[in-house]
N, C-alpha and C. Protein backbone atom coordinates (compact mmCIF):
# COMPACT_ATOMS: atom_id res chain seq x y z
N MET A 1 0.92 -1.39 -0.05
CA MET A 1 -0.09 0.31 -0.33
C MET A 1 0.76 1.40 0.05
N GLN A 2 0.42 1.93 -0.80
CA GLN A 2 1.68 3.28 -1.28
C GLN A 2 0.87 4.30 -0.04
N LYS A 3 1.73 5.35 0.36
CA LYS A 3 1.30 6.74 0.90
C LYS A 3 0.85 7.40 -0.27
N SER A 4 -0.09 8.13 0.41
CA SER A 4 -1.09 9.25 -0.44
C SER A 4 -0.12 10.14 -0.97
N LYS A 5 -0.71 10.66 -2.16
CA LYS A 5 0.26 11.48 -2.68
C LYS A 5 0.16 12.91 -2.26
N SER A 6 2.12 12.96 -2.20
CA SER A 6 2.02 14.52 -1.40
C SER A 6 1.60 15.72 -1.82
N ASP A 7 1.26 16.69 -1.23
CA ASP A 7 0.51 17.54 -2.23
C ASP A 7 0.96 19.02 -0.76
N LYS A 8 0.73 20.18 -1.45
CA LYS A 8 1.10 21.04 -0.55
C LYS A 8 -0.10 20.75 0.73
N GLY A 9 -1.13 20.07 1.12
CA GLY A 9 -1.70 20.36 2.34
C GLY A 9 -1.18 19.38 2.73
N TYR A 10 -0.04 18.06 2.55
CA TYR A 10 0.02 17.38 3.20
C TYR A 10 1.30 17.01 3.24
N LEU A 11 2.11 17.36 2.45
CA LEU A 11 3.71 17.60 2.71
C LEU A 11 4.29 17.23 3.94
N PHE A 12 4.03 18.22 4.55
CA PHE A 12 4.72 18.21 6.07
C PHE A 12 3.93 17.19 6.90
N TYR A 13 3.03 16.50 6.84
CA TYR A 13 2.05 15.09 7.65
C TYR A 13 3.01 14.40 6.73
N ASN A 14 3.08 13.97 5.46
CA ASN A 14 3.80 12.64 5.21
C ASN A 14 5.11 12.53 5.56
N ILE A 15 6.05 13.74 5.25
CA ILE A 15 7.59 14.19 5.99
C ILE A 15 7.33 13.24 7.69
N THR A 16 6.86 14.55 8.57
CA THR A 16 6.32 14.15 9.52
C THR A 16 6.20 12.58 10.27
N SER A 17 5.08 11.90 9.84
CA SER A 17 4.60 10.57 9.96
C SER A 17 5.31 9.77 9.51
N ARG A 18 6.18 9.99 8.55
CA ARG A 18 7.27 8.92 8.36
C ARG A 18 8.30 8.95 9.48
N LEU A 19 8.85 10.13 9.75
CA LEU A 19 9.76 10.18 10.67
C LEU A 19 9.34 9.61 12.26
N ILE A 20 7.92 9.78 12.52
CA ILE A 20 7.90 9.32 13.88
C ILE A 20 7.68 7.84 13.74
N VAL A 21 7.19 7.41 12.33
CA VAL A 21 7.49 6.00 12.54
C VAL A 21 8.05 4.97 12.61
N TRP A 22 8.87 6.04 11.75
CA TRP A 22 11.11 5.47 11.65
C TRP A 22 11.17 5.45 13.26
N LEU A 23 11.07 6.52 14.02
CA LEU A 23 11.90 6.61 15.60
C LEU A 23 11.02 5.65 16.27
N GLY A 24 9.97 5.78 15.91
CA GLY A 24 8.87 4.51 16.76
C GLY A 24 8.90 3.10 16.44
N ASN A 25 9.70 2.82 15.12
CA ASN A 25 9.98 1.42 15.08
C ASN A 25 11.36 1.46 15.73
N LEU A 26 12.05 2.05 15.51
CA LEU A 26 13.45 2.31 16.43
C LEU A 26 13.71 1.95 17.95
N PHE A 27 12.76 2.51 18.53
CA PHE A 27 12.33 2.33 19.77
C PHE A 27 11.54 1.35 20.53
N TRP A 28 10.28 1.25 19.75
CA TRP A 28 9.44 0.66 20.89
C TRP A 28 8.88 -0.61 19.83
N GLY A 29 8.86 -0.83 18.09
CA GLY A 29 8.91 -1.85 17.74
C GLY A 29 7.49 -1.95 17.01
N GLY A 30 6.76 -1.20 17.27
CA GLY A 30 5.57 -1.31 16.93
C GLY A 30 4.75 -2.79 15.95
N LYS A 31 3.57 -3.49 15.77
CA LYS A 31 3.30 -4.24 15.15
C LYS A 31 1.90 -3.70 14.72
N CYS A 32 1.30 -4.27 13.88
CA CYS A 32 0.01 -3.83 12.94
C CYS A 32 -0.30 -5.01 11.99
N PHE A 33 -1.47 -5.07 12.44
CA PHE A 33 -2.33 -6.47 11.90
C PHE A 33 -3.77 -5.54 11.63
N GLY A 34 -4.45 -6.16 10.59
CA GLY A 34 -5.77 -6.15 9.64
C GLY A 34 -5.92 -4.59 9.03
N GLN A 35 -5.02 -4.59 8.72
CA GLN A 35 -4.60 -3.08 7.59
C GLN A 35 -5.82 -3.11 6.50
N SER A 36 -5.66 -4.51 6.00
CA SER A 36 -6.50 -4.72 4.70
C SER A 36 -8.00 -3.68 5.32
N ASN A 37 -8.34 -3.99 6.37
CA ASN A 37 -9.72 -3.68 6.76
C ASN A 37 -9.58 -2.03 6.47
N ILE A 38 -8.82 -1.27 6.31
CA ILE A 38 -8.69 -0.03 5.85
C ILE A 38 -8.71 0.25 4.71
N PRO A 39 -10.05 1.30 3.88
CA PRO A 39 -10.36 1.30 2.98
C PRO A 39 -8.80 1.53 2.24
N LEU A 40 -8.69 1.80 1.18
CA LEU A 40 -7.52 2.62 0.35
C LEU A 40 -8.23 3.76 -0.04
N GLU A 41 -9.60 3.92 -0.18
CA GLU A 41 -9.85 5.40 -0.34
C GLU A 41 -11.60 5.62 -0.06
N GLY A 42 -12.11 6.63 -0.09
CA GLY A 42 -13.49 6.92 0.63
C GLY A 42 -13.36 7.20 1.95
N LYS A 43 -14.21 8.07 2.81
CA LYS A 43 -14.32 8.39 4.03
C LYS A 43 -14.40 7.31 5.09
N CYS A 44 -14.01 7.26 5.99
CA CYS A 44 -14.09 6.36 7.10
C CYS A 44 -13.67 6.93 8.41
N ILE A 45 -14.21 6.29 9.58
CA ILE A 45 -13.61 6.52 10.91
C ILE A 45 -13.31 5.41 11.65
N LEU A 46 -11.38 5.43 11.94
CA LEU A 46 -10.67 4.74 13.05
C LEU A 46 -11.12 5.46 14.24
N ALA A 47 -11.79 4.28 15.10
CA ALA A 47 -12.19 4.46 16.45
C ALA A 47 -11.12 3.12 17.04
N GLY A 48 -11.02 3.65 18.51
CA GLY A 48 -10.08 2.37 18.86
C GLY A 48 -9.84 2.65 20.57
N ASN A 49 -9.26 2.43 21.35
CA ASN A 49 -8.81 2.42 22.89
C ASN A 49 -8.00 3.52 22.85
N HIS A 50 -7.36 4.12 24.09
CA HIS A 50 -6.73 5.25 23.98
C HIS A 50 -5.56 4.79 25.14
N VAL A 51 -4.55 4.34 25.28
CA VAL A 51 -3.73 3.84 26.38
C VAL A 51 -2.29 4.71 26.49
N SER A 52 -2.02 5.63 25.70
CA SER A 52 -0.48 6.15 25.16
C SER A 52 -0.92 7.63 24.30
N ASN A 53 -0.03 8.56 25.21
CA ASN A 53 0.43 9.46 24.35
C ASN A 53 0.71 9.08 22.95
N PHE A 54 1.04 8.43 22.90
CA PHE A 54 2.10 7.83 21.54
C PHE A 54 1.38 6.93 20.90
N ASP A 55 0.25 6.97 21.12
CA ASP A 55 -0.76 5.81 20.10
C ASP A 55 -1.18 6.39 18.73
N SER A 56 -0.73 7.65 18.07
CA SER A 56 -1.11 7.93 16.71
C SER A 56 0.32 6.89 16.38
N TYR A 57 1.41 7.39 16.85
CA TYR A 57 2.73 6.43 15.99
C TYR A 57 2.14 4.92 15.65
N LEU A 58 1.32 4.13 16.25
CA LEU A 58 0.67 3.22 15.65
C LEU A 58 -0.47 2.98 14.62
N LEU A 59 -1.07 4.51 14.40
CA LEU A 59 -1.98 4.58 13.62
C LEU A 59 -1.34 4.99 12.14
N PHE A 60 0.03 5.80 12.46
CA PHE A 60 0.65 6.23 11.28
C PHE A 60 1.17 4.92 10.80
N LEU A 61 2.07 3.96 11.32
CA LEU A 61 1.84 3.07 11.07
C LEU A 61 1.38 2.26 10.04
N ALA A 62 0.50 1.92 10.66
CA ALA A 62 -0.97 1.02 10.05
C ALA A 62 -1.45 1.74 8.84
N CYS A 63 -2.08 3.00 9.33
CA CYS A 63 -2.86 3.59 7.74
C CYS A 63 -1.78 4.94 6.96
N LYS A 64 -1.73 4.38 5.76
CA LYS A 64 -1.02 4.79 4.66
C LYS A 64 -1.71 6.06 4.36
N ARG A 65 -2.84 6.49 4.78
CA ARG A 65 -3.52 7.36 4.21
C ARG A 65 -3.29 8.30 5.51
N PRO A 66 -3.06 9.98 4.81
CA PRO A 66 -3.17 10.90 6.11
C PRO A 66 -4.43 10.78 7.17
N ILE A 67 -3.93 10.83 8.24
CA ILE A 67 -5.43 10.64 8.89
C ILE A 67 -5.42 11.99 10.34
N HIS A 68 -6.73 12.36 9.75
CA HIS A 68 -7.40 13.88 10.54
C HIS A 68 -7.01 13.19 12.01
N ILE A 69 -6.96 13.57 13.05
CA ILE A 69 -6.90 12.75 14.74
C ILE A 69 -7.56 13.72 15.52
N LEU A 70 -8.42 13.72 16.19
CA LEU A 70 -9.33 14.36 16.90
C LEU A 70 -7.92 14.40 18.57
N GLY A 71 -7.99 15.58 18.48
CA GLY A 71 -6.89 15.96 19.99
C GLY A 71 -7.07 17.14 20.51
N LYS A 72 -6.93 16.73 22.22
CA LYS A 72 -7.68 17.92 23.30
C LYS A 72 -6.63 18.98 22.52
N LYS A 73 -7.33 19.89 23.32
CA LYS A 73 -6.79 21.33 22.68
C LYS A 73 -5.95 22.02 23.77
N GLU A 74 -5.54 21.22 24.95
CA GLU A 74 -4.02 21.29 25.58
C GLU A 74 -2.71 21.15 24.39
N LEU A 75 -3.00 20.34 23.82
CA LEU A 75 -1.72 19.85 23.07
C LEU A 75 -1.67 21.00 22.07
N PHE A 76 -2.49 21.75 21.93
CA PHE A 76 -2.37 23.27 20.86
C PHE A 76 -1.47 24.14 21.73
N LYS A 77 -1.50 23.98 22.61
CA LYS A 77 -0.61 25.09 23.29
C LYS A 77 0.87 25.70 22.66
N PHE A 78 1.85 26.20 23.27
CA PHE A 78 2.98 26.50 22.88
C PHE A 78 4.28 25.56 23.53
N PRO A 79 5.09 25.08 22.86
CA PRO A 79 5.83 24.72 21.52
C PRO A 79 5.50 24.24 20.64
N PHE A 80 4.46 22.96 20.86
CA PHE A 80 4.26 22.24 19.83
C PHE A 80 2.91 22.51 19.08
N GLY A 81 2.18 23.02 19.37
CA GLY A 81 0.77 23.68 18.70
C GLY A 81 0.80 23.60 17.10
N TRP A 82 1.90 24.20 16.93
CA TRP A 82 2.18 24.46 15.45
C TRP A 82 1.84 23.13 14.84
N ILE A 83 2.58 22.36 15.27
CA ILE A 83 3.07 20.99 14.79
C ILE A 83 2.00 20.33 14.55
N PHE A 84 1.34 20.55 15.61
CA PHE A 84 0.04 19.63 15.76
C PHE A 84 -1.04 20.04 14.84
N ARG A 85 -0.94 21.57 14.28
CA ARG A 85 -1.73 21.74 13.50
C ARG A 85 -1.37 21.48 11.78
N LYS A 86 -0.40 21.50 11.75
CA LYS A 86 0.37 21.15 10.29
C LYS A 86 0.06 19.75 10.48
N MET A 87 -0.03 18.87 10.79
CA MET A 87 -0.38 17.08 11.01
C MET A 87 -1.88 17.21 11.25
N HIS A 88 -2.69 17.98 10.98
CA HIS A 88 -3.78 18.16 10.43
C HIS A 88 -4.96 17.66 11.62
N LEU A 89 -4.74 17.71 13.20
CA LEU A 89 -5.27 17.53 13.80
C LEU A 89 -6.74 18.35 14.26
N ILE A 90 -7.64 17.97 14.42
CA ILE A 90 -8.45 18.58 15.15
C ILE A 90 -8.37 18.64 16.74
N LYS A 91 -9.03 20.61 16.80
CA LYS A 91 -8.58 20.56 18.38
C LYS A 91 -10.43 20.54 18.95
N ILE A 92 -9.99 19.94 19.94
CA ILE A 92 -11.01 19.59 20.70
C ILE A 92 -11.31 19.96 22.09
N ASP A 93 -12.49 20.66 22.35
CA ASP A 93 -12.56 21.24 23.94
C ASP A 93 -13.56 20.51 24.78
N ARG A 94 -12.61 19.77 25.47
CA ARG A 94 -13.10 18.31 25.88
C ARG A 94 -14.74 18.75 26.94
N GLN A 95 -14.61 19.94 27.32
CA GLN A 95 -15.60 20.82 28.42
C GLN A 95 -17.07 21.29 27.81
N ASN A 96 -16.32 21.44 26.21
CA ASN A 96 -17.95 22.19 25.46
C ASN A 96 -18.06 21.42 24.37
N HIS A 97 -19.21 21.91 23.60
CA HIS A 97 -19.84 20.89 22.39
C HIS A 97 -18.81 21.20 21.12
N ASN A 98 -18.24 21.84 20.81
CA ASN A 98 -17.07 22.07 19.91
C ASN A 98 -17.94 22.13 18.62
N PRO A 99 -19.08 23.10 18.05
CA PRO A 99 -19.39 23.23 16.85
C PRO A 99 -18.49 23.07 15.80
N LEU A 100 -17.58 24.07 15.87
CA LEU A 100 -16.61 24.26 14.76
C LEU A 100 -15.94 22.82 14.53
N ALA A 101 -15.55 21.97 15.45
CA ALA A 101 -15.28 20.81 15.24
C ALA A 101 -15.12 19.97 14.74
N LYS A 102 -16.84 19.79 15.08
CA LYS A 102 -17.67 19.03 14.26
C LYS A 102 -17.99 19.19 13.34
N GLU A 103 -18.29 20.65 12.51
CA GLU A 103 -18.02 20.78 11.26
C GLU A 103 -17.44 20.75 10.47
N GLU A 104 -15.85 20.82 11.15
CA GLU A 104 -14.32 20.43 10.08
C GLU A 104 -14.85 19.04 10.36
N VAL A 105 -14.83 17.76 11.01
CA VAL A 105 -15.10 16.30 11.03
C VAL A 105 -15.81 16.30 9.50
N LEU A 106 -17.24 16.70 10.08
CA LEU A 106 -18.06 16.55 8.89
C LEU A 106 -17.71 16.84 7.28
N ASN A 107 -17.23 17.70 7.20
CA ASN A 107 -16.32 18.21 6.38
C ASN A 107 -15.40 17.32 5.60
N ILE A 108 -14.53 17.19 6.35
CA ILE A 108 -13.32 16.35 5.90
C ILE A 108 -13.84 15.36 5.60
N LEU A 109 -14.83 14.01 6.48
CA LEU A 109 -15.83 13.05 6.08
C LEU A 109 -16.07 13.00 4.69
N SER A 110 -16.93 14.58 4.31
CA SER A 110 -17.22 14.68 3.10
C SER A 110 -16.32 14.84 1.59
N GLU A 111 -15.23 14.99 1.97
CA GLU A 111 -13.98 15.22 0.99
C GLU A 111 -13.46 13.76 1.02
N GLY A 112 -14.28 12.45 1.88
CA GLY A 112 -13.78 10.98 1.26
C GLY A 112 -12.60 10.64 2.03
N LYS A 113 -11.89 11.45 3.57
CA LYS A 113 -10.58 11.37 4.00
C LYS A 113 -11.18 10.52 5.47
N VAL A 114 -10.31 10.38 6.26
CA VAL A 114 -10.05 9.21 6.95
C VAL A 114 -9.86 10.57 8.39
N ILE A 115 -11.02 9.74 9.40
CA ILE A 115 -10.55 10.47 10.49
C ILE A 115 -10.37 9.39 11.92
N GLY A 116 -9.47 9.89 13.02
CA GLY A 116 -8.89 9.21 13.73
C GLY A 116 -9.26 9.49 15.43
N ILE A 117 -10.76 8.90 15.64
CA ILE A 117 -10.76 9.03 17.28
C ILE A 117 -10.74 8.19 18.51
N PHE A 118 -10.48 8.96 19.20
CA PHE A 118 -10.56 7.74 20.72
C PHE A 118 -11.93 7.89 21.67
N PRO A 119 -12.60 7.20 21.01
CA PRO A 119 -14.24 7.67 21.77
C PRO A 119 -13.81 7.85 23.28
N GLU A 120 -12.72 7.49 24.03
CA GLU A 120 -13.13 7.24 25.53
C GLU A 120 -12.74 8.31 25.91
N GLY A 121 -12.23 9.73 25.38
CA GLY A 121 -11.81 11.01 25.12
C GLY A 121 -10.23 11.11 26.17
N THR A 122 -10.06 10.18 26.40
CA THR A 122 -8.58 10.59 27.42
C THR A 122 -7.83 8.66 27.69
N PHE A 123 -6.82 9.46 27.51
CA PHE A 123 -5.87 8.27 27.69
C PHE A 123 -5.37 7.34 28.92
N HIS A 124 -5.37 6.13 29.27
CA HIS A 124 -5.14 5.80 30.72
C HIS A 124 -4.91 4.44 30.19
N LYS A 125 -4.02 3.67 31.65
CA LYS A 125 -2.69 2.94 31.75
C LYS A 125 -3.87 1.72 32.18
N LYS A 126 -4.97 1.50 32.12
CA LYS A 126 -5.65 0.44 32.80
C LYS A 126 -6.17 -0.76 31.64
N ASP A 127 -6.53 -1.82 31.88
CA ASP A 127 -6.53 -2.87 30.62
C ASP A 127 -8.26 -2.55 30.60
N VAL A 128 -9.08 -1.81 31.00
CA VAL A 128 -10.22 -1.62 30.53
C VAL A 128 -10.93 -0.89 30.25
N LEU A 129 -11.73 -0.28 29.26
CA LEU A 129 -12.06 0.69 28.50
C LEU A 129 -13.02 1.72 29.19
N LEU A 130 -12.86 3.24 28.97
CA LEU A 130 -13.42 4.01 30.00
C LEU A 130 -14.86 4.14 29.12
N PRO A 131 -15.80 4.64 29.47
CA PRO A 131 -17.25 4.66 28.78
C PRO A 131 -17.24 5.55 27.56
N PHE A 132 -17.62 5.01 26.55
CA PHE A 132 -17.16 6.19 25.15
C PHE A 132 -18.28 7.09 25.05
N LYS A 133 -17.60 8.20 24.45
CA LYS A 133 -18.34 9.46 24.54
C LYS A 133 -19.34 8.94 22.78
N PRO A 134 -20.39 9.69 23.27
CA PRO A 134 -21.01 9.35 21.74
C PRO A 134 -21.11 10.01 20.19
N GLY A 135 -20.05 11.50 20.26
CA GLY A 135 -19.63 11.93 19.23
C GLY A 135 -19.14 11.36 17.82
N VAL A 136 -18.34 9.72 18.41
CA VAL A 136 -17.94 8.87 16.90
C VAL A 136 -19.32 8.35 16.58
N ILE A 137 -20.05 7.84 17.29
CA ILE A 137 -21.64 7.72 16.51
C ILE A 137 -22.30 8.79 15.21
N SER A 138 -22.34 10.24 15.96
CA SER A 138 -22.75 11.13 15.78
C SER A 138 -22.28 11.47 14.04
N PHE A 139 -21.24 11.28 14.27
CA PHE A 139 -19.86 11.82 12.98
C PHE A 139 -20.34 10.65 12.21
N ALA A 140 -20.37 9.07 12.59
CA ALA A 140 -20.72 8.18 11.71
C ALA A 140 -22.18 8.31 10.94
N GLN A 141 -22.97 8.35 12.10
CA GLN A 141 -24.42 8.31 11.38
C GLN A 141 -24.17 9.98 10.28
N LYS A 142 -24.58 10.97 10.28
CA LYS A 142 -24.39 12.10 10.11
C LYS A 142 -23.25 11.93 8.57
N ALA A 143 -22.32 11.64 8.69
CA ALA A 143 -21.68 11.45 7.30
C ALA A 143 -22.18 10.27 6.44
N ASP A 144 -22.63 9.21 6.85
CA ASP A 144 -23.07 8.08 6.60
C ASP A 144 -21.31 7.23 6.62
N ALA A 145 -20.70 7.70 7.30
CA ALA A 145 -19.20 6.81 7.51
C ALA A 145 -19.31 5.66 8.01
N PRO A 146 -18.52 4.57 7.47
CA PRO A 146 -18.25 3.01 8.30
C PRO A 146 -16.91 3.21 9.53
N ILE A 147 -17.17 2.73 10.45
CA ILE A 147 -16.28 3.10 11.45
C ILE A 147 -15.43 1.63 11.36
N ILE A 148 -14.11 1.76 11.42
CA ILE A 148 -13.07 1.03 11.54
C ILE A 148 -12.72 0.33 12.51
N PRO A 149 -12.61 -0.23 13.71
CA PRO A 149 -12.58 -0.73 14.99
C PRO A 149 -10.90 -0.85 15.21
N PHE A 150 -10.77 -0.27 15.86
CA PHE A 150 -9.18 -0.62 16.51
C PHE A 150 -8.98 -1.01 17.66
N ALA A 151 -8.11 -2.19 18.28
CA ALA A 151 -7.34 -2.34 19.52
C ALA A 151 -6.20 -2.06 19.68
N ILE A 152 -5.66 -1.14 20.47
CA ILE A 152 -4.12 -1.41 20.87
C ILE A 152 -3.94 -1.94 22.07
N THR A 153 -2.81 -3.17 22.26
CA THR A 153 -2.31 -3.58 23.38
C THR A 153 -0.78 -3.82 23.47
N GLY A 154 -0.03 -4.01 24.46
CA GLY A 154 1.26 -3.75 24.83
C GLY A 154 1.96 -2.72 25.52
N ASP A 155 2.87 -2.78 25.27
CA ASP A 155 3.58 -1.25 25.98
C ASP A 155 4.27 -0.74 25.26
N PHE A 156 3.90 0.85 25.91
CA PHE A 156 5.02 1.82 25.01
C PHE A 156 6.34 2.01 25.78
N LYS A 157 6.83 0.79 26.29
CA LYS A 157 8.43 0.85 26.48
C LYS A 157 9.49 0.60 25.71
N PHE A 158 10.89 0.82 26.30
CA PHE A 158 11.77 0.12 25.06
C PHE A 158 11.87 -1.22 24.35
N ARG A 159 11.41 -1.16 22.88
CA ARG A 159 11.34 -2.32 22.64
C ARG A 159 9.97 -3.51 23.16
N GLY A 160 9.12 -2.87 23.33
CA GLY A 160 8.07 -3.22 24.12
C GLY A 160 7.00 -3.52 23.02
N HIS A 161 7.30 -3.30 21.83
CA HIS A 161 6.20 -3.98 21.06
C HIS A 161 5.01 -3.97 21.30
N PRO A 162 4.32 -2.44 21.02
CA PRO A 162 2.69 -2.55 21.69
C PRO A 162 2.04 -2.94 19.93
N LYS A 163 0.79 -2.73 20.09
CA LYS A 163 0.17 -3.68 19.00
C LYS A 163 -1.07 -3.03 18.22
N ILE A 164 -1.24 -2.94 17.28
CA ILE A 164 -2.60 -2.15 16.93
C ILE A 164 -3.30 -3.64 16.23
N VAL A 165 -4.58 -3.46 16.21
CA VAL A 165 -5.24 -4.43 15.64
C VAL A 165 -6.47 -3.67 15.23
N PHE A 166 -6.59 -3.90 13.51
CA PHE A 166 -8.07 -3.62 13.25
C PHE A 166 -8.68 -4.20 12.60
N GLY A 167 -10.24 -4.18 12.99
CA GLY A 167 -11.35 -5.53 13.06
C GLY A 167 -12.06 -4.55 11.35
N SER A 168 -12.92 -5.61 11.39
CA SER A 168 -13.75 -5.68 10.08
C SER A 168 -14.70 -4.16 10.20
N PRO A 169 -15.10 -3.78 8.72
CA PRO A 169 -15.50 -2.22 9.11
C PRO A 169 -17.01 -2.44 9.37
N ILE A 170 -17.81 -1.32 10.40
CA ILE A 170 -18.94 -2.02 11.59
C ILE A 170 -19.79 -0.53 10.51
N ASP A 171 -21.15 -1.18 9.62
CA ASP A 171 -21.91 -0.66 9.31
C ASP A 171 -22.86 -0.13 9.96
N LEU A 172 -22.73 1.33 10.55
CA LEU A 172 -24.00 1.46 12.17
C LEU A 172 -25.63 0.90 11.39
N ARG A 173 -25.73 1.48 9.94
CA ARG A 173 -26.92 0.42 9.23
C ARG A 173 -27.52 -0.33 9.84
N GLN A 174 -26.88 -0.92 9.59
CA GLN A 174 -27.19 -2.83 10.14
C GLN A 174 -27.66 -2.94 11.84
N ILE A 175 -27.26 -1.82 12.51
CA ILE A 175 -27.54 -2.04 13.59
C ILE A 175 -28.68 -0.98 14.40
N LYS A 176 -29.10 -1.64 15.43
CA LYS A 176 -30.66 -0.41 16.12
C LYS A 176 -29.46 0.45 16.55
N GLU A 177 -30.64 1.75 16.58
CA GLU A 177 -29.46 2.95 16.91
C GLU A 177 -29.14 3.31 18.31
N ALA A 178 -29.93 2.54 19.24
CA ALA A 178 -29.70 2.44 20.31
C ALA A 178 -28.89 1.46 20.83
N ASP A 179 -28.13 1.08 20.50
CA ASP A 179 -27.38 -0.28 20.37
C ASP A 179 -25.97 0.32 19.31
N GLN A 180 -26.11 1.09 19.06
CA GLN A 180 -24.57 1.41 17.90
C GLN A 180 -23.48 1.64 19.02
N LEU A 181 -23.25 2.34 19.89
CA LEU A 181 -22.47 2.80 21.03
C LEU A 181 -22.06 1.13 21.63
N LYS A 182 -22.89 1.24 22.35
CA LYS A 182 -23.07 0.07 23.07
C LYS A 182 -21.90 -1.27 22.14
N TYR A 183 -22.35 -1.56 20.78
CA TYR A 183 -22.10 -2.47 20.22
C TYR A 183 -20.45 -2.20 19.67
N LEU A 184 -20.17 -0.85 19.55
CA LEU A 184 -18.64 -0.19 19.30
C LEU A 184 -17.76 -0.31 20.77
N GLU A 185 -18.56 -0.41 21.74
CA GLU A 185 -17.53 -0.72 22.79
C GLU A 185 -17.29 -2.35 23.08
N LYS A 186 -18.43 -3.04 22.60
CA LYS A 186 -18.33 -4.19 22.97
C LYS A 186 -17.10 -4.87 22.14
N THR A 187 -17.35 -4.36 20.92
CA THR A 187 -16.54 -4.82 19.86
C THR A 187 -15.00 -4.66 20.09
N ILE A 188 -14.62 -3.16 20.82
CA ILE A 188 -13.18 -3.34 21.09
C ILE A 188 -13.06 -3.81 22.05
N ARG A 189 -13.44 -3.98 23.01
CA ARG A 189 -13.63 -4.77 24.03
C ARG A 189 -13.13 -5.78 24.40
N ASN A 190 -14.14 -6.82 23.35
CA ASN A 190 -13.46 -8.22 22.99
C ASN A 190 -11.92 -8.21 21.95
N MET A 191 -11.76 -7.31 21.17
CA MET A 191 -10.54 -7.06 20.40
C MET A 191 -9.60 -6.78 21.10
N ILE A 192 -9.55 -6.54 22.38
CA ILE A 192 -8.57 -6.09 23.39
C ILE A 192 -8.18 -7.60 24.22
N SER A 193 -9.61 -8.17 24.60
CA SER A 193 -9.30 -9.64 24.96
C SER A 193 -8.55 -10.77 24.39
N GLU A 194 -8.66 -9.73 22.90
CA GLU A 194 -8.22 -11.23 22.11
C GLU A 194 -6.47 -11.40 21.93
N ASN A 195 -6.50 -10.17 21.95
CA ASN A 195 -5.08 -9.73 21.72
C ASN A 195 -4.14 -9.34 23.02
């Protein structure tokens, strides 16, 4: 699978993500499985558990398309804020409704691009999932986009070989609306326990 074409909008992203992957492989030696579940083109949402500040490395390692990852607003402070903006992160205020961020996510999906989201809303070191925020379901419904679930396991320590596994796309139209969020949680929880 080839990297997406470099253009002015994604040149910095492509260079930086490759550098992150190179350094991550050197230090952690991450592994990824199920990348064939990520479509080569078209809109989709990558959604999974959040165990470390370094989870994005595994997404860059596995997905050869640019990913627009939702990130907390605190990441955008000096001195690294400009890097996150150039990496196309979408700034989220976890205490507010974020109408502009929501509009940005839907615009990106309407352009046939990839969104990366951690529905727990924060990372933690426990082997259990925190309750999912409903935003991921709302985005998928409004954009009519499939959700590609992923599970991250292992340790982000030297040569810890953290692992990311992608599951089959979830079409929410096949699931009763009231059950969609719980279905996604259960899917990812099962993936974590199996890996």
